Every structure is written in structure tokens, then in C-alpha cells.
Amino acid sequence: MATASGKDLFEIIPRVGVLRDPRFSEPLTSLLAHKDLKHREFAAYAMGAMGDRQFLEPLRQTFNEALLLKGSRAEELQVAVIEAIGAIGDDGAVEFFMPTLRKPAGNRQELQIRRWMLEALGAIAQQGGEASLAALLELTLHQVPELRAQAISELSVAYWHRPNTTPSRVLNRICESTRDRDSSVSESAIAALQSLADVGCRRAETLFCSE
């Protein structure tokens, strides 16, 4: 971490994730404030690999700082921070993401940031995050059709590895969304039911056939 750069630096991320040595915490926190954005991006991904919730607050601060920057490197840093928060898998991310997600996107870049956040919530819900699951359910009613459609998709993905534990409230919301006025949302809901049925969810299979 102290001497590597570029590709060599990113190649050690899997090892960081395997070792999860507490001694990595201090150098990673320092690198997250590095003047070079690539070093900061590495630190974010490595923090996600560590999976330690102590990194949530510095990651939040870095994301807010990255929003003020311009260029592709700044965007890559934003993605890294959001993915890291999702990888950590802590429901504390909901408090950070939802104020932004509840707002309409002003432009395509803002919409993309919201899509990354939705993916992170999906990753947390997949790890059993109840607050993230509730947030996704709320976002299936978002005023922006693209975000409604993605929230539905993330709900189904959250239960791919445990299909027959999918809660009734999730299946009911997906079914309601098959009748959404926007075709992209209704198609996403039908695809979500089918995907759950394909991985063995018996109730989803019955609902998919009826829909």
C-alpha cells in the first residue's frame, strides 16, 4: 500500500479482502484522503473488501467531496465509494443514500449516481439488510420510472440465493408493479417474477403464471 501504484496497487485488493488485517485500517484511511484520485479509489475498494463498518463515515465524507470534483476520475471515485458501502453490507448506508434517492434526478449523471446507490442497497438487502429491503420497497414507487424498474429488479436479486424465503410483501409489490403505467416498470416486474421462479421460488412461479 505504501509503495505500489496503478495496476499493482489494485491487484492487492483481493488479498486485503482475504486477510482483513486490522493493521490495514490506518493506511487505508490515509489513502482515502490522498491527493491522487486513483489512490483514493483503491482505498475505497479495499475498504469494501475489508467489510468493516468503521469505514462507513470516511466513505461518506469522501463521496460528498467527490461530488464537487469533475471528470472521469471523479466519477470512478464516486462509483468506488458507493460499491464499497454496498460491499460492507451495513444498513447504515440507507440513512446516507435515501435523501438523495428520494429526490428526482436533475440530469443523466445524477440519475446514474442514483442507479449505483440502488445497486448498493440491493447488495446490502442480499446480505439480509432489513432497512435496505424497506428502502427498495419504497423506491418501487419512485416518480422516476427507471428507478422504479431498477428497485423491482434489485428486490428479486436480493432473494436469488434464498428464493423460498422471499417475503409476501416483496412478491405482492412486484405483482402490483406488473400493472404499472410505464412499460419499462411492468416489464421489469414480470422479469423479476420470472427470475425468482427460475431459481426455485414456488410462489413466484405461481404468480408469474397468473400474471
C-alpha atoms as a PDB file:
ATOM      1  CA  MET A   1       0.000   0.000   0.000  1.00  0.00           C
ATOM      2  CA  ALA A   2       2.809   2.381   0.818  1.00  0.00           C
ATOM      3  CA  THR A   3       4.879   1.845  -2.314  1.00  0.00           C
ATOM      4  CA  ALA A   4       2.672   0.426  -5.091  1.00  0.00           C
ATOM      5  CA  SER A   5       0.755   2.481  -7.639  1.00  0.00           C
ATOM      6  CA  GLY A   6      -1.501   1.995 -10.614  1.00  0.00           C
ATOM      7  CA  LYS A   7      -2.355  -1.584 -11.587  1.00  0.00           C
ATOM      8  CA  ASP A   8      -0.053  -3.064  -8.940  1.00  0.00           C
ATOM      9  CA  LEU A   9      -1.996  -1.277  -6.224  1.00  0.00           C
ATOM     10  CA  PHE A  10      -5.379  -2.587  -7.365  1.00  0.00           C
ATOM     11  CA  GLU A  11      -4.064  -6.147  -7.681  1.00  0.00           C
ATOM     12  CA  ILE A  12      -3.665  -6.429  -3.906  1.00  0.00           C
ATOM     13  CA  ILE A  13      -7.362  -5.766  -3.192  1.00  0.00           C
ATOM     14  CA  PRO A  14      -8.313  -9.489  -3.193  1.00  0.00           C
ATOM     15  CA  ARG A  15      -5.547 -10.151  -0.659  1.00  0.00           C
ATOM     16  CA  VAL A  16      -6.794  -7.327   1.527  1.00  0.00           C
ATOM     17  CA  GLY A  17     -10.239  -8.944   1.426  1.00  0.00           C
ATOM     18  CA  VAL A  18      -8.870 -12.336   2.419  1.00  0.00           C
ATOM     19  CA  LEU A  19      -6.601 -11.133   5.219  1.00  0.00           C
ATOM     20  CA  ARG A  20      -8.817  -8.373   6.641  1.00  0.00           C
ATOM     21  CA  ASP A  21      -5.968  -7.430   8.945  1.00  0.00           C
ATOM     22  CA  PRO A  22      -6.907  -4.570  11.344  1.00  0.00           C
ATOM     23  CA  ARG A  23      -3.487  -3.051  10.614  1.00  0.00           C
ATOM     24  CA  PHE A  24      -4.789  -2.123   7.142  1.00  0.00           C
ATOM     25  CA  SER A  25      -7.283   0.341   8.628  1.00  0.00           C
ATOM     26  CA  GLU A  26      -4.931   3.252   9.265  1.00  0.00           C
ATOM     27  CA  PRO A  27      -3.107   3.207   5.892  1.00  0.00           C
ATOM     28  CA  LEU A  28      -6.405   2.795   4.011  1.00  0.00           C
ATOM     29  CA  THR A  29      -7.915   5.764   5.840  1.00  0.00           C
ATOM     30  CA  SER A  30      -4.846   7.814   4.944  1.00  0.00           C
ATOM     31  CA  LEU A  31      -5.026   6.749   1.280  1.00  0.00           C
ATOM     32  CA  LEU A  32      -8.692   7.731   1.139  1.00  0.00           C
ATOM     33  CA  ALA A  33      -7.521  11.321   1.607  1.00  0.00           C
ATOM     34  CA  HIS A  34      -4.639  11.026  -0.901  1.00  0.00           C
ATOM     35  CA  LYS A  35      -4.205  13.835  -3.438  1.00  0.00           C
ATOM     36  CA  ASP A  36      -4.248  11.289  -6.278  1.00  0.00           C
ATOM     37  CA  LEU A  37      -7.802  10.152  -7.073  1.00  0.00           C
ATOM     38  CA  LYS A  38      -6.668   6.679  -8.155  1.00  0.00           C
ATOM     39  CA  HIS A  39      -5.160   6.080  -4.722  1.00  0.00           C
ATOM     40  CA  ARG A  40      -8.439   7.206  -3.176  1.00  0.00           C
ATOM     41  CA  GLU A  41     -10.361   4.885  -5.478  1.00  0.00           C
ATOM     42  CA  PHE A  42      -8.125   1.977  -4.431  1.00  0.00           C
ATOM     43  CA  ALA A  43      -8.688   2.791  -0.754  1.00  0.00           C
ATOM     44  CA  ALA A  44     -12.471   2.767  -1.243  1.00  0.00           C
ATOM     45  CA  TYR A  45     -12.497  -0.624  -2.964  1.00  0.00           C
ATOM     46  CA  ALA A  46     -10.112  -2.046  -0.368  1.00  0.00           C
ATOM     47  CA  MET A  47     -12.361  -0.792   2.429  1.00  0.00           C
ATOM     48  CA  GLY A  48     -15.265  -2.574   0.761  1.00  0.00           C
ATOM     49  CA  ALA A  49     -13.164  -5.745   0.634  1.00  0.00           C
ATOM     50  CA  MET A  50     -12.414  -5.365   4.343  1.00  0.00           C
ATOM     51  CA  GLY A  51     -16.147  -5.246   5.092  1.00  0.00           C
ATOM     52  CA  ASP A  52     -15.696  -3.205   8.268  1.00  0.00           C
ATOM     53  CA  ARG A  53     -18.492  -0.787   9.137  1.00  0.00           C
ATOM     54  CA  GLN A  54     -15.973   1.626  10.734  1.00  0.00           C
ATOM     55  CA  PHE A  55     -15.242   2.774   7.173  1.00  0.00           C
ATOM     56  CA  LEU A  56     -18.793   3.982   6.502  1.00  0.00           C
ATOM     57  CA  GLU A  57     -18.242   7.515   7.794  1.00  0.00           C
ATOM     58  CA  PRO A  58     -14.952   8.223   5.951  1.00  0.00           C
ATOM     59  CA  LEU A  59     -16.507   6.779   2.778  1.00  0.00           C
ATOM     60  CA  ARG A  60     -19.496   9.093   3.142  1.00  0.00           C
ATOM     61  CA  GLN A  61     -17.223  12.089   3.555  1.00  0.00           C
ATOM     62  CA  THR A  62     -15.191  11.086   0.515  1.00  0.00           C
ATOM     63  CA  PHE A  63     -18.316  10.695  -1.587  1.00  0.00           C
ATOM     64  CA  ASN A  64     -19.512  14.188  -0.694  1.00  0.00           C
ATOM     65  CA  GLU A  65     -16.087  15.554  -1.622  1.00  0.00           C
ATOM     66  CA  ALA A  66     -16.066  13.611  -4.902  1.00  0.00           C
ATOM     67  CA  LEU A  67     -19.403  15.164  -5.899  1.00  0.00           C
ATOM     68  CA  LEU A  68     -17.641  18.546  -6.060  1.00  0.00           C
ATOM     69  CA  LEU A  69     -14.989  17.238  -8.460  1.00  0.00           C
ATOM     70  CA  LYS A  70     -15.216  16.992 -12.246  1.00  0.00           C
ATOM     71  CA  GLY A  71     -14.015  14.462 -14.776  1.00  0.00           C
ATOM     72  CA  SER A  72     -13.962  10.704 -15.279  1.00  0.00           C
ATOM     73  CA  ARG A  73     -11.580  10.104 -12.377  1.00  0.00           C
ATOM     74  CA  ALA A  74     -14.013  11.792 -10.006  1.00  0.00           C
ATOM     75  CA  GLU A  75     -16.842   9.639 -11.366  1.00  0.00           C
ATOM     76  CA  GLU A  76     -14.753   6.485 -10.880  1.00  0.00           C
ATOM     77  CA  LEU A  77     -14.164   7.513  -7.280  1.00  0.00           C
ATOM     78  CA  GLN A  78     -17.897   8.028  -6.737  1.00  0.00           C
ATOM     79  CA  VAL A  79     -18.602   4.541  -8.096  1.00  0.00           C
ATOM     80  CA  ALA A  80     -15.880   3.024  -5.906  1.00  0.00           C
ATOM     81  CA  VAL A  81     -17.265   4.630  -2.761  1.00  0.00           C
ATOM     82  CA  ILE A  82     -20.855   3.557  -3.463  1.00  0.00           C
ATOM     83  CA  GLU A  83     -19.797  -0.005  -4.303  1.00  0.00           C
ATOM     84  CA  ALA A  84     -17.656  -0.135  -1.161  1.00  0.00           C
ATOM     85  CA  ILE A  85     -20.590   0.911   1.006  1.00  0.00           C
ATOM     86  CA  GLY A  86     -22.694  -1.817  -0.604  1.00  0.00           C
ATOM     87  CA  ALA A  87     -19.948  -4.396  -0.089  1.00  0.00           C
ATOM     88  CA  ILE A  88     -19.653  -3.534   3.603  1.00  0.00           C
ATOM     89  CA  GLY A  89     -23.289  -4.583   3.811  1.00  0.00           C
ATOM     90  CA  ASP A  90     -24.381  -2.364   6.673  1.00  0.00           C
ATOM     91  CA  ASP A  91     -27.905  -0.955   6.801  1.00  0.00           C
ATOM     92  CA  GLY A  92     -26.398   2.334   7.954  1.00  0.00           C
ATOM     93  CA  ALA A  93     -26.000   3.075   4.245  1.00  0.00           C
ATOM     94  CA  VAL A  94     -29.762   3.645   3.998  1.00  0.00           C
ATOM     95  CA  GLU A  95     -29.573   6.829   6.039  1.00  0.00           C
ATOM     96  CA  PHE A  96     -26.881   8.106   3.682  1.00  0.00           C
ATOM     97  CA  PHE A  97     -28.440   7.063   0.361  1.00  0.00           C
ATOM     98  CA  MET A  98     -32.153   7.718   0.813  1.00  0.00           C
ATOM     99  CA  PRO A  99     -32.166  11.542   0.986  1.00  0.00           C
ATOM    100  CA  THR A 100     -30.508  11.539  -2.445  1.00  0.00           C
ATOM    101  CA  LEU A 101     -32.618   8.688  -3.829  1.00  0.00           C
ATOM    102  CA  ARG A 102     -35.898  10.334  -2.833  1.00  0.00           C
ATOM    103  CA  LYS A 103     -35.112  13.393  -4.954  1.00  0.00           C
ATOM    104  CA  PRO A 104     -35.763  13.475  -8.717  1.00  0.00           C
ATOM    105  CA  ALA A 105     -32.581  13.365 -10.778  1.00  0.00           C
ATOM    106  CA  GLY A 106     -31.721  16.676 -12.419  1.00  0.00           C
ATOM    107  CA  ASN A 107     -29.583  15.203 -15.210  1.00  0.00           C
ATOM    108  CA  ARG A 108     -28.240  11.888 -16.512  1.00  0.00           C
ATOM    109  CA  GLN A 109     -25.236  11.948 -14.202  1.00  0.00           C
ATOM    110  CA  GLU A 110     -27.442  12.402 -11.146  1.00  0.00           C
ATOM    111  CA  LEU A 111     -29.656   9.577 -12.370  1.00  0.00           C
ATOM    112  CA  GLN A 112     -26.616   7.332 -12.777  1.00  0.00           C
ATOM    113  CA  ILE A 113     -25.497   8.080  -9.218  1.00  0.00           C
ATOM    114  CA  ARG A 114     -28.927   7.019  -8.003  1.00  0.00           C
ATOM    115  CA  ARG A 115     -28.690   3.802 -10.010  1.00  0.00           C
ATOM    116  CA  TRP A 116     -25.354   2.997  -8.359  1.00  0.00           C
ATOM    117  CA  MET A 117     -26.925   3.634  -4.971  1.00  0.00           C
ATOM    118  CA  LEU A 118     -29.798   1.296  -5.788  1.00  0.00           C
ATOM    119  CA  GLU A 119     -27.314  -1.437  -6.706  1.00  0.00           C
ATOM    120  CA  ALA A 120     -25.589  -0.934  -3.362  1.00  0.00           C
ATOM    121  CA  LEU A 121     -28.896  -1.195  -1.499  1.00  0.00           C
ATOM    122  CA  GLY A 122     -29.597  -4.390  -3.419  1.00  0.00           C
ATOM    123  CA  ALA A 123     -26.232  -5.792  -2.332  1.00  0.00           C
ATOM    124  CA  ILE A 124     -27.000  -4.956   1.304  1.00  0.00           C
ATOM    125  CA  ALA A 125     -30.519  -6.427   1.097  1.00  0.00           C
ATOM    126  CA  GLN A 126     -28.986  -9.595  -0.334  1.00  0.00           C
ATOM    127  CA  GLN A 127     -26.920  -9.836   2.863  1.00  0.00           C
ATOM    128  CA  GLY A 128     -30.067  -9.584   4.986  1.00  0.00           C
ATOM    129  CA  GLY A 129     -30.338  -5.823   5.475  1.00  0.00           C
ATOM    130  CA  GLU A 130     -33.930  -5.171   6.536  1.00  0.00           C
ATOM    131  CA  ALA A 131     -33.658  -1.379   6.285  1.00  0.00           C
ATOM    132  CA  SER A 132     -32.253  -1.711   2.765  1.00  0.00           C
ATOM    133  CA  LEU A 133     -35.120  -4.028   1.840  1.00  0.00           C
ATOM    134  CA  ALA A 134     -37.636  -1.473   3.152  1.00  0.00           C
ATOM    135  CA  ALA A 135     -35.860   1.256   1.181  1.00  0.00           C
ATOM    136  CA  LEU A 136     -36.094  -0.771  -2.032  1.00  0.00           C
ATOM    137  CA  LEU A 137     -39.810  -1.351  -1.434  1.00  0.00           C
ATOM    138  CA  GLU A 138     -40.289   2.391  -1.017  1.00  0.00           C
ATOM    139  CA  LEU A 139     -38.335   3.096  -4.193  1.00  0.00           C
ATOM    140  CA  THR A 140     -40.607   0.843  -6.266  1.00  0.00           C
ATOM    141  CA  LEU A 141     -42.995   3.817  -6.011  1.00  0.00           C
ATOM    142  CA  HIS A 142     -40.420   6.414  -7.082  1.00  0.00           C
ATOM    143  CA  GLN A 143     -41.627   9.074  -9.507  1.00  0.00           C
ATOM    144  CA  VAL A 144     -38.820   8.225 -11.951  1.00  0.00           C
ATOM    145  CA  PRO A 145     -39.757   5.069 -13.934  1.00  0.00           C
ATOM    146  CA  GLU A 146     -36.141   3.991 -14.424  1.00  0.00           C
ATOM    147  CA  LEU A 147     -35.588   3.938 -10.681  1.00  0.00           C
ATOM    148  CA  ARG A 148     -38.876   2.114 -10.039  1.00  0.00           C
ATOM    149  CA  ALA A 149     -37.858  -0.535 -12.543  1.00  0.00           C
ATOM    150  CA  GLN A 150     -34.404  -0.966 -11.030  1.00  0.00           C
ATOM    151  CA  ALA A 151     -35.743  -1.144  -7.474  1.00  0.00           C
ATOM    152  CA  ILE A 152     -38.008  -4.024  -8.536  1.00  0.00           C
ATOM    153  CA  SER A 153     -35.095  -5.818 -10.156  1.00  0.00           C
ATOM    154  CA  GLU A 154     -32.918  -5.371  -7.050  1.00  0.00           C
ATOM    155  CA  LEU A 155     -35.693  -6.810  -4.880  1.00  0.00           C
ATOM    156  CA  SER A 156     -35.698 -10.042  -6.850  1.00  0.00           C
ATOM    157  CA  VAL A 157     -31.898 -10.306  -6.939  1.00  0.00           C
ATOM    158  CA  ALA A 158     -31.817  -9.946  -3.143  1.00  0.00           C
ATOM    159  CA  TYR A 159     -33.540 -13.345  -2.844  1.00  0.00           C
ATOM    160  CA  TRP A 160     -31.887 -15.325  -5.618  1.00  0.00           C
ATOM    161  CA  HIS A 161     -29.813 -17.306  -3.108  1.00  0.00           C
ATOM    162  CA  ARG A 162     -32.808 -17.933  -0.800  1.00  0.00           C
ATOM    163  CA  PRO A 163     -35.816 -17.809  -3.158  1.00  0.00           C
ATOM    164  CA  ASN A 164     -38.365 -19.533  -0.944  1.00  0.00           C
ATOM    165  CA  THR A 165     -37.802 -17.045   1.874  1.00  0.00           C
ATOM    166  CA  THR A 166     -38.963 -14.135  -0.307  1.00  0.00           C
ATOM    167  CA  PRO A 167     -41.442 -12.194   1.896  1.00  0.00           C
ATOM    168  CA  SER A 168     -45.041 -11.845   0.779  1.00  0.00           C
ATOM    169  CA  ARG A 169     -44.749  -8.057   0.849  1.00  0.00           C
ATOM    170  CA  VAL A 170     -41.958  -8.264  -1.726  1.00  0.00           C
ATOM    171  CA  LEU A 171     -43.837 -10.618  -4.041  1.00  0.00           C
ATOM    172  CA  ASN A 172     -47.028  -8.572  -3.675  1.00  0.00           C
ATOM    173  CA  ARG A 173     -45.225  -5.343  -4.566  1.00  0.00           C
ATOM    174  CA  ILE A 174     -43.619  -6.960  -7.608  1.00  0.00           C
ATOM    175  CA  CYS A 175     -47.051  -8.223  -8.721  1.00  0.00           C
ATOM    176  CA  GLU A 176     -48.594  -4.773  -8.265  1.00  0.00           C
ATOM    177  CA  SER A 177     -45.800  -3.353 -10.407  1.00  0.00           C
ATOM    178  CA  THR A 178     -46.681  -5.642 -13.320  1.00  0.00           C
ATOM    179  CA  ARG A 179     -49.621  -3.266 -13.821  1.00  0.00           C
ATOM    180  CA  ASP A 180     -47.516  -0.088 -13.690  1.00  0.00           C
ATOM    181  CA  ARG A 181     -48.475   2.528 -16.275  1.00  0.00           C
ATOM    182  CA  ASP A 182     -44.887   2.611 -17.554  1.00  0.00           C
ATOM    183  CA  SER A 183     -43.985  -0.371 -19.732  1.00  0.00           C
ATOM    184  CA  SER A 184     -40.348  -0.475 -18.580  1.00  0.00           C
ATOM    185  CA  VAL A 185     -41.529  -0.888 -14.987  1.00  0.00           C
ATOM    186  CA  SER A 186     -44.164  -3.528 -15.748  1.00  0.00           C
ATOM    187  CA  GLU A 187     -41.677  -5.473 -17.873  1.00  0.00           C
ATOM    188  CA  SER A 188     -39.097  -5.301 -15.077  1.00  0.00           C
ATOM    189  CA  ALA A 189     -41.683  -6.678 -12.637  1.00  0.00           C
ATOM    190  CA  ILE A 190     -42.576  -9.587 -14.913  1.00  0.00           C
ATOM    191  CA  ALA A 191     -38.871 -10.343 -15.416  1.00  0.00           C
ATOM    192  CA  ALA A 192     -38.365 -10.206 -11.634  1.00  0.00           C
ATOM    193  CA  LEU A 193     -41.107 -12.769 -11.047  1.00  0.00           C
ATOM    194  CA  GLN A 194     -39.687 -14.996 -13.762  1.00  0.00           C
ATOM    195  CA  SER A 195     -36.156 -14.789 -12.369  1.00  0.00           C
ATOM    196  CA  LEU A 196     -37.357 -15.768  -8.887  1.00  0.00           C
ATOM    197  CA  ALA A 197     -39.355 -18.627 -10.376  1.00  0.00           C
ATOM    198  CA  ASP A 198     -36.302 -19.769 -12.331  1.00  0.00           C
ATOM    199  CA  VAL A 199     -34.217 -20.054  -9.155  1.00  0.00           C
ATOM    200  CA  GLY A 200     -36.902 -22.088  -7.405  1.00  0.00           C
ATOM    201  CA  CYS A 201     -39.344 -19.701  -5.738  1.00  0.00           C
ATOM    202  CA  ARG A 202     -42.616 -21.656  -5.877  1.00  0.00           C
ATOM    203  CA  ARG A 203     -44.874 -18.709  -5.054  1.00  0.00           C
ATOM    204  CA  ALA A 204     -43.183 -16.573  -7.711  1.00  0.00           C
ATOM    205  CA  GLU A 205     -43.748 -19.332 -10.254  1.00  0.00           C
ATOM    206  CA  THR A 206     -47.471 -19.405  -9.433  1.00  0.00           C
ATOM    207  CA  LEU A 207     -47.736 -15.627  -9.603  1.00  0.00           C
ATOM    208  CA  PHE A 208     -45.764 -15.453 -12.827  1.00  0.00           C
ATOM    209  CA  CYS A 209     -48.116 -17.930 -14.485  1.00  0.00           C
ATOM    210  CA  SER A 210     -51.155 -15.951 -13.319  1.00  0.00           C
ATOM    211  CA  GLU A 211     -49.694 -12.648 -14.498  1.00  0.00           C
END
